[in-house]
Amino acid sequence: MKMISALPKHTKDYLSHLMQAGRYVFTSQDARAALGGSPAAVKQALNRLQRKGEVASPARGFYAIVPPEYRGLGCLPADQFIPALMAHVGMSYYCGLQSAAQYHGAAHHRPQAFQVMLEKARRPIHCGKVRVVFHVRKRMTEMPVQHINTPRGTIAVSTPDVTAFDLVGYESKIGGLDAVATILVELAEKLDPQKLADIASLMPLPWAQRLGYLLEFIGEAPKAVLLKRYVQTNANEVTALEPSSSRSDRLRDEAWRLIINAELETET
């Protein structure tokens, strides 16, 4: 019992030591090794700090120190703990979709949750006011990423070109094609026509068809010139612009091999 009563002080010393070293995440195993207490005693001490809002636990056995500026959030921001958490669980990842678009300057709408792409399904994270959702991405490790600085290190983020494809491919997760077109208006200046064409082979062909059409729709046809060449060389089948629509329109865009079954508009 004496060990348990003394542990909170020792635990706070441990947290201070971590912060002085620039570390804001740790595991329960790390804490037990540093403190030398029993698992029950260390768990009790960490629970007390959680109730005080000084630490948070985004995942079982994984903790984040919450500095005063984030106490109202109840957790570290997602981009400050996701890289360490993914390393801890041994999963490759990248920040994608609207969350990635924000890093590239397309911040028309702030996503309600931080969006992360993984090879396998994982349950969402709810940590204080922080929400993280995971989407399964085929061929994920083949996707080009950038490493962007955060206050606690770096985070892997899909490149603008991969982000554009992913937005189209996961349109139902972010509010539909109108939302995709709106984001592309702001993202387009970061897109590289050659890179779009180069990575198109990593993507389902309908994604390239829809992305090219959307780029032309928002007035960015030069960005889609090489992508159009790729589509016209490889697309033997016509696909629907909006995959979830039940409309059976006969209007087609022959250049992109698309059935135009949606009326698009962007938000201003």
C-alpha atoms as a PDB file:
ATOM      1  CA  MET A   1       0.000   0.000   0.000  1.00  0.00           C
ATOM      2  CA  LYS A   2       2.878   2.387   0.683  1.00  0.00           C
ATOM      3  CA  MET A   3       4.102   1.837  -2.888  1.00  0.00           C
ATOM      4  CA  ILE A   4       0.687   2.712  -4.298  1.00  0.00           C
ATOM      5  CA  SER A   5       0.372   5.906  -2.257  1.00  0.00           C
ATOM      6  CA  ALA A   6       3.840   7.034  -3.343  1.00  0.00           C
ATOM      7  CA  LEU A   7       3.452   6.213  -7.031  1.00  0.00           C
ATOM      8  CA  PRO A   8       1.505   9.298  -8.150  1.00  0.00           C
ATOM      9  CA  LYS A   9       4.452  11.505  -7.220  1.00  0.00           C
ATOM     10  CA  HIS A  10       6.879   9.152  -8.887  1.00  0.00           C
ATOM     11  CA  THR A  11       4.641   8.944 -11.952  1.00  0.00           C
ATOM     12  CA  LYS A  12       4.542  12.726 -12.297  1.00  0.00           C
ATOM     13  CA  ASP A  13       8.333  12.769 -12.060  1.00  0.00           C
ATOM     14  CA  TYR A  14       8.378  10.197 -14.853  1.00  0.00           C
ATOM     15  CA  LEU A  15       6.100  12.354 -17.004  1.00  0.00           C
ATOM     16  CA  SER A  16       8.272  15.399 -16.376  1.00  0.00           C
ATOM     17  CA  HIS A  17      11.332  13.417 -17.411  1.00  0.00           C
ATOM     18  CA  LEU A  18       9.611  12.362 -20.640  1.00  0.00           C
ATOM     19  CA  MET A  19       8.569  15.920 -21.492  1.00  0.00           C
ATOM     20  CA  GLN A  20      12.053  17.229 -20.839  1.00  0.00           C
ATOM     21  CA  ALA A  21      13.250  14.684 -23.379  1.00  0.00           C
ATOM     22  CA  GLY A  22      10.594  15.848 -25.860  1.00  0.00           C
ATOM     23  CA  ARG A  23       8.474  12.707 -25.518  1.00  0.00           C
ATOM     24  CA  TYR A  24       4.737  13.019 -25.018  1.00  0.00           C
ATOM     25  CA  VAL A  25       3.638   9.410 -25.478  1.00  0.00           C
ATOM     26  CA  PHE A  26       4.470   6.209 -23.622  1.00  0.00           C
ATOM     27  CA  THR A  27       3.108   2.734 -23.057  1.00  0.00           C
ATOM     28  CA  SER A  28       2.021   1.080 -19.836  1.00  0.00           C
ATOM     29  CA  GLN A  29       5.001  -1.237 -20.244  1.00  0.00           C
ATOM     30  CA  ASP A  30       7.329   1.787 -20.482  1.00  0.00           C
ATOM     31  CA  ALA A  31       5.839   3.185 -17.293  1.00  0.00           C
ATOM     32  CA  ARG A  32       6.162  -0.075 -15.357  1.00  0.00           C
ATOM     33  CA  ALA A  33       9.784  -0.463 -16.419  1.00  0.00           C
ATOM     34  CA  ALA A  34      10.619   3.103 -15.356  1.00  0.00           C
ATOM     35  CA  LEU A  35       8.694   3.133 -12.091  1.00  0.00           C
ATOM     36  CA  GLY A  36       9.357  -0.398 -10.905  1.00  0.00           C
ATOM     37  CA  GLY A  37       5.894  -0.756  -9.393  1.00  0.00           C
ATOM     38  CA  SER A  38       3.435  -3.577  -9.822  1.00  0.00           C
ATOM     39  CA  PRO A  39       1.132  -3.430 -12.869  1.00  0.00           C
ATOM     40  CA  ALA A  40      -1.841  -2.705 -10.580  1.00  0.00           C
ATOM     41  CA  ALA A  41      -0.039   0.131  -8.799  1.00  0.00           C
ATOM     42  CA  VAL A  42       1.125   1.787 -12.004  1.00  0.00           C
ATOM     43  CA  LYS A  43      -2.341   1.407 -13.555  1.00  0.00           C
ATOM     44  CA  GLN A  44      -3.904   3.026 -10.485  1.00  0.00           C
ATOM     45  CA  ALA A  45      -1.478   5.935 -10.656  1.00  0.00           C
ATOM     46  CA  LEU A  46      -2.099   6.494 -14.368  1.00  0.00           C
ATOM     47  CA  ASN A  47      -5.864   6.346 -13.817  1.00  0.00           C
ATOM     48  CA  ARG A  48      -5.546   9.151 -11.271  1.00  0.00           C
ATOM     49  CA  LEU A  49      -3.636  11.282 -13.754  1.00  0.00           C
ATOM     50  CA  GLN A  50      -6.247  10.524 -16.392  1.00  0.00           C
ATOM     51  CA  ARG A  51      -9.013  11.749 -14.094  1.00  0.00           C
ATOM     52  CA  LYS A  52      -7.042  14.963 -13.611  1.00  0.00           C
ATOM     53  CA  GLY A  53      -6.689  15.346 -17.368  1.00  0.00           C
ATOM     54  CA  GLU A  54      -2.888  15.166 -17.277  1.00  0.00           C
ATOM     55  CA  VAL A  55      -2.696  12.037 -19.418  1.00  0.00           C
ATOM     56  CA  ALA A  56      -5.071  10.450 -21.920  1.00  0.00           C
ATOM     57  CA  SER A  57      -5.237   6.967 -23.389  1.00  0.00           C
ATOM     58  CA  PRO A  58      -6.065   6.914 -27.123  1.00  0.00           C
ATOM     59  CA  ALA A  59      -5.588   3.123 -27.209  1.00  0.00           C
ATOM     60  CA  ARG A  60      -5.290   0.330 -24.693  1.00  0.00           C
ATOM     61  CA  GLY A  61      -1.903   0.389 -23.006  1.00  0.00           C
ATOM     62  CA  PHE A  62      -0.885   3.565 -24.870  1.00  0.00           C
ATOM     63  CA  TYR A  63      -0.825   6.982 -23.205  1.00  0.00           C
ATOM     64  CA  ALA A  64      -0.382  10.595 -24.241  1.00  0.00           C
ATOM     65  CA  ILE A  65       0.738  13.362 -21.916  1.00  0.00           C
ATOM     66  CA  VAL A  66      -1.688  16.270 -22.185  1.00  0.00           C
ATOM     67  CA  PRO A  67       0.081  19.617 -21.690  1.00  0.00           C
ATOM     68  CA  PRO A  68      -1.953  22.540 -20.313  1.00  0.00           C
ATOM     69  CA  GLU A  69      -2.680  24.032 -23.737  1.00  0.00           C
ATOM     70  CA  TYR A  70      -4.574  20.882 -24.738  1.00  0.00           C
ATOM     71  CA  ARG A  71      -6.462  20.199 -21.489  1.00  0.00           C
ATOM     72  CA  GLY A  72      -9.661  21.555 -23.033  1.00  0.00           C
ATOM     73  CA  LEU A  73      -9.252  19.055 -25.856  1.00  0.00           C
ATOM     74  CA  GLY A  74      -8.773  16.223 -23.383  1.00  0.00           C
ATOM     75  CA  CYS A  75      -6.013  14.636 -25.475  1.00  0.00           C
ATOM     76  CA  LEU A  76      -3.078  15.455 -27.674  1.00  0.00           C
ATOM     77  CA  PRO A  77      -4.158  16.393 -31.218  1.00  0.00           C
ATOM     78  CA  ALA A  78      -4.290  13.286 -33.389  1.00  0.00           C
ATOM     79  CA  ASP A  79      -1.326  14.170 -35.574  1.00  0.00           C
ATOM     80  CA  GLN A  80       0.865  14.356 -32.471  1.00  0.00           C
ATOM     81  CA  PHE A  81       0.228  10.772 -31.324  1.00  0.00           C
ATOM     82  CA  ILE A  82      -0.836   8.783 -34.401  1.00  0.00           C
ATOM     83  CA  PRO A  83       2.740   8.193 -35.703  1.00  0.00           C
ATOM     84  CA  ALA A  84       3.862   6.777 -32.353  1.00  0.00           C
ATOM     85  CA  LEU A  85       0.687   4.729 -31.938  1.00  0.00           C
ATOM     86  CA  MET A  86       1.046   3.183 -35.382  1.00  0.00           C
ATOM     87  CA  ALA A  87       4.685   2.335 -34.628  1.00  0.00           C
ATOM     88  CA  HIS A  88       3.575   0.816 -31.315  1.00  0.00           C
ATOM     89  CA  VAL A  89       1.002  -1.464 -32.969  1.00  0.00           C
ATOM     90  CA  GLY A  90       3.269  -2.195 -35.945  1.00  0.00           C
ATOM     91  CA  MET A  91       0.977  -0.824 -38.659  1.00  0.00           C
ATOM     92  CA  SER A  92       1.905   1.210 -41.709  1.00  0.00           C
ATOM     93  CA  TYR A  93      -0.312   4.265 -42.184  1.00  0.00           C
ATOM     94  CA  TYR A  94      -0.716   7.638 -43.758  1.00  0.00           C
ATOM     95  CA  CYS A  95      -2.928  10.607 -43.030  1.00  0.00           C
ATOM     96  CA  GLY A  96      -5.369  10.918 -45.928  1.00  0.00           C
ATOM     97  CA  LEU A  97      -8.515  12.397 -47.431  1.00  0.00           C
ATOM     98  CA  GLN A  98      -9.693  15.740 -46.022  1.00  0.00           C
ATOM     99  CA  SER A  99      -7.114  15.626 -43.234  1.00  0.00           C
ATOM    100  CA  ALA A 100      -4.330  15.319 -45.815  1.00  0.00           C
ATOM    101  CA  ALA A 101      -5.917  17.997 -47.994  1.00  0.00           C
ATOM    102  CA  GLN A 102      -5.692  20.402 -45.067  1.00  0.00           C
ATOM    103  CA  TYR A 103      -1.939  19.908 -44.872  1.00  0.00           C
ATOM    104  CA  HIS A 104      -1.758  20.798 -48.560  1.00  0.00           C
ATOM    105  CA  GLY A 105      -3.699  24.033 -48.116  1.00  0.00           C
ATOM    106  CA  ALA A 106      -7.182  22.823 -49.032  1.00  0.00           C
ATOM    107  CA  ALA A 107      -8.949  23.710 -45.817  1.00  0.00           C
ATOM    108  CA  HIS A 108     -12.444  24.577 -47.026  1.00  0.00           C
ATOM    109  CA  HIS A 109     -14.011  22.277 -44.451  1.00  0.00           C
ATOM    110  CA  ARG A 110     -12.342  20.966 -41.324  1.00  0.00           C
ATOM    111  CA  PRO A 111     -13.126  17.238 -41.072  1.00  0.00           C
ATOM    112  CA  GLN A 112     -14.990  16.142 -37.975  1.00  0.00           C
ATOM    113  CA  ALA A 113     -12.470  13.364 -37.455  1.00  0.00           C
ATOM    114  CA  PHE A 114      -8.802  12.894 -38.294  1.00  0.00           C
ATOM    115  CA  GLN A 115      -8.618  10.475 -41.231  1.00  0.00           C
ATOM    116  CA  VAL A 116      -5.982   7.753 -41.428  1.00  0.00           C
ATOM    117  CA  MET A 117      -5.446   5.109 -44.102  1.00  0.00           C
ATOM    118  CA  LEU A 118      -4.420   1.585 -43.042  1.00  0.00           C
ATOM    119  CA  GLU A 119      -3.962  -1.800 -44.664  1.00  0.00           C
ATOM    120  CA  LYS A 120      -6.353  -3.447 -42.193  1.00  0.00           C
ATOM    121  CA  ALA A 121      -9.510  -2.367 -40.419  1.00  0.00           C
ATOM    122  CA  ARG A 122      -9.192  -0.729 -37.028  1.00  0.00           C
ATOM    123  CA  ARG A 123     -11.810   0.699 -34.708  1.00  0.00           C
ATOM    124  CA  PRO A 124     -12.136   4.485 -34.439  1.00  0.00           C
ATOM    125  CA  ILE A 125     -10.424   6.345 -31.624  1.00  0.00           C
ATOM    126  CA  HIS A 126     -12.310   8.582 -29.216  1.00  0.00           C
ATOM    127  CA  CYS A 127      -9.941  10.454 -26.917  1.00  0.00           C
ATOM    128  CA  GLY A 128     -11.441  13.484 -25.215  1.00  0.00           C
ATOM    129  CA  LYS A 129     -12.706  15.649 -28.072  1.00  0.00           C
ATOM    130  CA  VAL A 130     -10.288  14.040 -30.548  1.00  0.00           C
ATOM    131  CA  ARG A 131     -11.752  11.629 -33.077  1.00  0.00           C
ATOM    132  CA  VAL A 132      -9.735   9.431 -35.426  1.00  0.00           C
ATOM    133  CA  VAL A 133     -11.281   7.257 -38.140  1.00  0.00           C
ATOM    134  CA  PHE A 134      -9.421   4.601 -40.104  1.00  0.00           C
ATOM    135  CA  HIS A 135     -10.072   3.565 -43.697  1.00  0.00           C
ATOM    136  CA  VAL A 136      -8.744   0.404 -45.306  1.00  0.00           C
ATOM    137  CA  ARG A 137      -6.548   1.228 -48.314  1.00  0.00           C
ATOM    138  CA  LYS A 138      -5.408  -1.413 -50.785  1.00  0.00           C
ATOM    139  CA  ARG A 139      -1.787  -1.135 -51.946  1.00  0.00           C
ATOM    140  CA  MET A 140      -1.301   1.391 -49.188  1.00  0.00           C
ATOM    141  CA  THR A 141       2.429   0.931 -48.784  1.00  0.00           C
ATOM    142  CA  GLU A 142       2.930   1.717 -52.485  1.00  0.00           C
ATOM    143  CA  MET A 143       1.408   5.174 -52.164  1.00  0.00           C
ATOM    144  CA  PRO A 144       3.799   8.159 -52.179  1.00  0.00           C
ATOM    145  CA  VAL A 145       3.727  10.115 -48.931  1.00  0.00           C
ATOM    146  CA  GLN A 146       5.305  13.237 -47.483  1.00  0.00           C
ATOM    147  CA  HIS A 147       6.575  13.574 -43.931  1.00  0.00           C
ATOM    148  CA  ILE A 148       5.256  16.804 -42.477  1.00  0.00           C
ATOM    149  CA  ASN A 149       6.440  18.399 -39.255  1.00  0.00           C
ATOM    150  CA  THR A 150       4.192  18.561 -36.202  1.00  0.00           C
ATOM    151  CA  PRO A 151       4.977  19.952 -32.731  1.00  0.00           C
ATOM    152  CA  ARG A 152       5.901  16.391 -31.644  1.00  0.00           C
ATOM    153  CA  GLY A 153       7.780  15.090 -34.682  1.00  0.00           C
ATOM    154  CA  THR A 154       6.600  14.219 -38.177  1.00  0.00           C
ATOM    155  CA  ILE A 155       3.565  12.521 -39.654  1.00  0.00           C
ATOM    156  CA  ALA A 156       3.197  10.633 -42.951  1.00  0.00           C
ATOM    157  CA  VAL A 157       0.687  12.367 -45.224  1.00  0.00           C
ATOM    158  CA  SER A 158      -0.428  11.348 -48.701  1.00  0.00           C
ATOM    159  CA  THR A 159       1.026  13.574 -51.416  1.00  0.00           C
ATOM    160  CA  PRO A 160      -1.383  16.014 -53.078  1.00  0.00           C
ATOM    161  CA  ASP A 161      -1.737  13.695 -56.080  1.00  0.00           C
ATOM    162  CA  VAL A 162      -2.501  10.597 -53.999  1.00  0.00           C
ATOM    163  CA  THR A 163      -4.875  12.704 -51.893  1.00  0.00           C
ATOM    164  CA  ALA A 164      -6.790  13.736 -55.016  1.00  0.00           C
ATOM    165  CA  PHE A 165      -7.252  10.108 -56.086  1.00  0.00           C
ATOM    166  CA  ASP A 166      -8.256   9.031 -52.580  1.00  0.00           C
ATOM    167  CA  LEU A 167     -10.846  11.799 -52.320  1.00  0.00           C
ATOM    168  CA  VAL A 168     -12.482  10.485 -55.474  1.00  0.00           C
ATOM    169  CA  GLY A 169     -12.207   6.857 -54.416  1.00  0.00           C
ATOM    170  CA  TYR A 170     -13.650   7.460 -50.957  1.00  0.00           C
ATOM    171  CA  GLU A 171     -16.162  10.132 -51.961  1.00  0.00           C
ATOM    172  CA  SER A 172     -18.970   8.509 -49.964  1.00  0.00           C
ATOM    173  CA  LYS A 173     -16.905   8.939 -46.768  1.00  0.00           C
ATOM    174  CA  ILE A 174     -16.493  12.701 -47.170  1.00  0.00           C
ATOM    175  CA  GLY A 175     -19.848  13.961 -48.378  1.00  0.00           C
ATOM    176  CA  GLY A 176     -20.011  12.989 -52.058  1.00  0.00           C
ATOM    177  CA  LEU A 177     -18.609  14.291 -55.318  1.00  0.00           C
ATOM    178  CA  ASP A 178     -19.682  17.885 -54.674  1.00  0.00           C
ATOM    179  CA  ALA A 179     -17.474  17.891 -51.593  1.00  0.00           C
ATOM    180  CA  VAL A 180     -14.643  16.306 -53.587  1.00  0.00           C
ATOM    181  CA  ALA A 181     -14.930  18.939 -56.325  1.00  0.00           C
ATOM    182  CA  THR A 182     -14.915  21.712 -53.725  1.00  0.00           C
ATOM    183  CA  ILE A 183     -11.700  20.408 -52.150  1.00  0.00           C
ATOM    184  CA  LEU A 184     -10.092  19.920 -55.569  1.00  0.00           C
ATOM    185  CA  VAL A 185     -10.608  23.613 -56.345  1.00  0.00           C
ATOM    186  CA  GLU A 186      -8.170  24.423 -53.522  1.00  0.00           C
ATOM    187  CA  LEU A 187      -5.937  21.375 -53.977  1.00  0.00           C
ATOM    188  CA  ALA A 188      -5.464  21.741 -57.741  1.00  0.00           C
ATOM    189  CA  GLU A 189      -2.549  24.169 -57.560  1.00  0.00           C
ATOM    190  CA  LYS A 190      -0.528  21.475 -55.758  1.00  0.00           C
ATOM    191  CA  LEU A 191      -1.285  18.758 -58.328  1.00  0.00           C
ATOM    192  CA  ASP A 192       1.323  17.695 -60.852  1.00  0.00           C
ATOM    193  CA  PRO A 193       0.000  16.365 -64.204  1.00  0.00           C
ATOM    194  CA  GLN A 194       2.944  13.992 -64.641  1.00  0.00           C
ATOM    195  CA  LYS A 195       2.674  12.606 -61.111  1.00  0.00           C
ATOM    196  CA  LEU A 196      -1.066  12.072 -61.519  1.00  0.00           C
ATOM    197  CA  ALA A 197      -0.405  10.032 -64.646  1.00  0.00           C
ATOM    198  CA  ASP A 198       2.509   8.170 -63.056  1.00  0.00           C
ATOM    199  CA  ILE A 199       0.520   6.936 -60.059  1.00  0.00           C
ATOM    200  CA  ALA A 200      -2.698   6.242 -61.961  1.00  0.00           C
ATOM    201  CA  SER A 201      -1.661   2.606 -62.452  1.00  0.00           C
ATOM    202  CA  LEU A 202      -1.717   2.155 -58.665  1.00  0.00           C
ATOM    203  CA  MET A 203      -5.377   3.209 -58.563  1.00  0.00           C
ATOM    204  CA  PRO A 204      -8.606   1.589 -59.743  1.00  0.00           C
ATOM    205  CA  LEU A 205      -9.174   2.840 -63.286  1.00  0.00           C
ATOM    206  CA  PRO A 206     -12.598   4.405 -62.515  1.00  0.00           C
ATOM    207  CA  TRP A 207     -10.876   6.687 -59.988  1.00  0.00           C
ATOM    208  CA  ALA A 208      -8.720   8.107 -62.788  1.00  0.00           C
ATOM    209  CA  GLN A 209     -11.776   8.558 -65.009  1.00  0.00           C
ATOM    210  CA  ARG A 210     -13.708  10.430 -62.321  1.00  0.00           C
ATOM    211  CA  LEU A 211     -10.755  12.511 -61.141  1.00  0.00           C
ATOM    212  CA  GLY A 212      -9.945  13.673 -64.663  1.00  0.00           C
ATOM    213  CA  TYR A 213     -13.550  14.628 -65.302  1.00  0.00           C
ATOM    214  CA  LEU A 214     -13.724  16.560 -62.022  1.00  0.00           C
ATOM    215  CA  LEU A 215     -10.527  18.456 -62.785  1.00  0.00           C
ATOM    216  CA  GLU A 216     -11.987  19.558 -66.108  1.00  0.00           C
ATOM    217  CA  PHE A 217     -15.270  20.428 -64.392  1.00  0.00           C
ATOM    218  CA  ILE A 218     -13.550  22.829 -61.977  1.00  0.00           C
ATOM    219  CA  GLY A 219     -11.594  24.481 -64.782  1.00  0.00           C
ATOM    220  CA  GLU A 220      -8.292  22.679 -64.276  1.00  0.00           C
ATOM    221  CA  ALA A 221      -8.142  20.816 -67.592  1.00  0.00           C
ATOM    222  CA  PRO A 222      -4.349  21.277 -68.005  1.00  0.00           C
ATOM    223  CA  LYS A 223      -3.833  19.228 -64.844  1.00  0.00           C
ATOM    224  CA  ALA A 224      -5.724  16.332 -66.446  1.00  0.00           C
ATOM    225  CA  VAL A 225      -4.147  16.197 -69.912  1.00  0.00           C
ATOM    226  CA  LEU A 226      -1.777  13.295 -69.215  1.00  0.00           C
ATOM    227  CA  LEU A 227      -4.378  11.531 -67.088  1.00  0.00           C
ATOM    228  CA  LYS A 228      -6.794  11.689 -70.034  1.00  0.00           C
ATOM    229  CA  ARG A 229      -4.197  10.050 -72.251  1.00  0.00           C
ATOM    230  CA  TYR A 230      -3.817   7.263 -69.671  1.00  0.00           C
ATOM    231  CA  VAL A 231      -7.587   6.748 -69.462  1.00  0.00           C
ATOM    232  CA  GLN A 232      -8.073   6.691 -73.214  1.00  0.00           C
ATOM    233  CA  THR A 233      -5.326   4.106 -73.541  1.00  0.00           C
ATOM    234  CA  ASN A 234      -6.534   1.832 -70.742  1.00  0.00           C
ATOM    235  CA  ALA A 235     -10.281   2.284 -70.194  1.00  0.00           C
ATOM    236  CA  ASN A 236     -12.264  -0.202 -72.276  1.00  0.00           C
ATOM    237  CA  GLU A 237     -15.441   0.075 -70.231  1.00  0.00           C
ATOM    238  CA  VAL A 238     -17.730   2.975 -69.470  1.00  0.00           C
ATOM    239  CA  THR A 239     -18.315   3.644 -65.765  1.00  0.00           C
ATOM    240  CA  ALA A 240     -20.637   5.918 -63.827  1.00  0.00           C
ATOM    241  CA  LEU A 241     -19.472   9.293 -62.594  1.00  0.00           C
ATOM    242  CA  GLU A 242     -21.290   8.807 -59.297  1.00  0.00           C
ATOM    243  CA  PRO A 243     -21.014   5.132 -58.313  1.00  0.00           C
ATOM    244  CA  SER A 244     -23.753   5.238 -55.676  1.00  0.00           C
ATOM    245  CA  SER A 245     -26.379   6.906 -57.879  1.00  0.00           C
ATOM    246  CA  SER A 246     -29.359   4.916 -59.166  1.00  0.00           C
ATOM    247  CA  ARG A 247     -29.964   7.340 -62.035  1.00  0.00           C
ATOM    248  CA  SER A 248     -29.773   5.758 -65.478  1.00  0.00           C
ATOM    249  CA  ASP A 249     -28.801   8.795 -67.538  1.00  0.00           C
ATOM    250  CA  ARG A 250     -27.638   8.199 -71.065  1.00  0.00           C
ATOM    251  CA  LEU A 251     -25.473  11.312 -71.173  1.00  0.00           C
ATOM    252  CA  ARG A 252     -21.876  10.307 -71.652  1.00  0.00           C
ATOM    253  CA  ASP A 253     -18.470  11.896 -71.703  1.00  0.00           C
ATOM    254  CA  GLU A 254     -16.680   9.799 -74.275  1.00  0.00           C
ATOM    255  CA  ALA A 255     -13.253  11.273 -73.519  1.00  0.00           C
ATOM    256  CA  TRP A 256     -13.397  10.003 -69.949  1.00  0.00           C
ATOM    257  CA  ARG A 257     -15.549   6.935 -70.694  1.00  0.00           C
ATOM    258  CA  LEU A 258     -18.118   8.108 -68.161  1.00  0.00           C
ATOM    259  CA  ILE A 259     -21.869   8.029 -67.772  1.00  0.00           C
ATOM    260  CA  ILE A 260     -22.707  11.471 -66.386  1.00  0.00           C
ATOM    261  CA  ASN A 261     -25.312  10.518 -63.795  1.00  0.00           C
ATOM    262  CA  ALA A 262     -24.796  13.440 -61.408  1.00  0.00           C
ATOM    263  CA  GLU A 263     -25.165  17.204 -61.541  1.00  0.00           C
ATOM    264  CA  LEU A 264     -22.172  18.678 -59.756  1.00  0.00           C
ATOM    265  CA  GLU A 265     -21.634  21.977 -58.034  1.00  0.00           C
ATOM    266  CA  THR A 266     -18.917  23.318 -55.797  1.00  0.00           C
ATOM    267  CA  GLU A 267     -19.328  25.343 -52.637  1.00  0.00           C
ATOM    268  CA  THR A 268     -17.945  28.861 -52.632  1.00  0.00           C
END
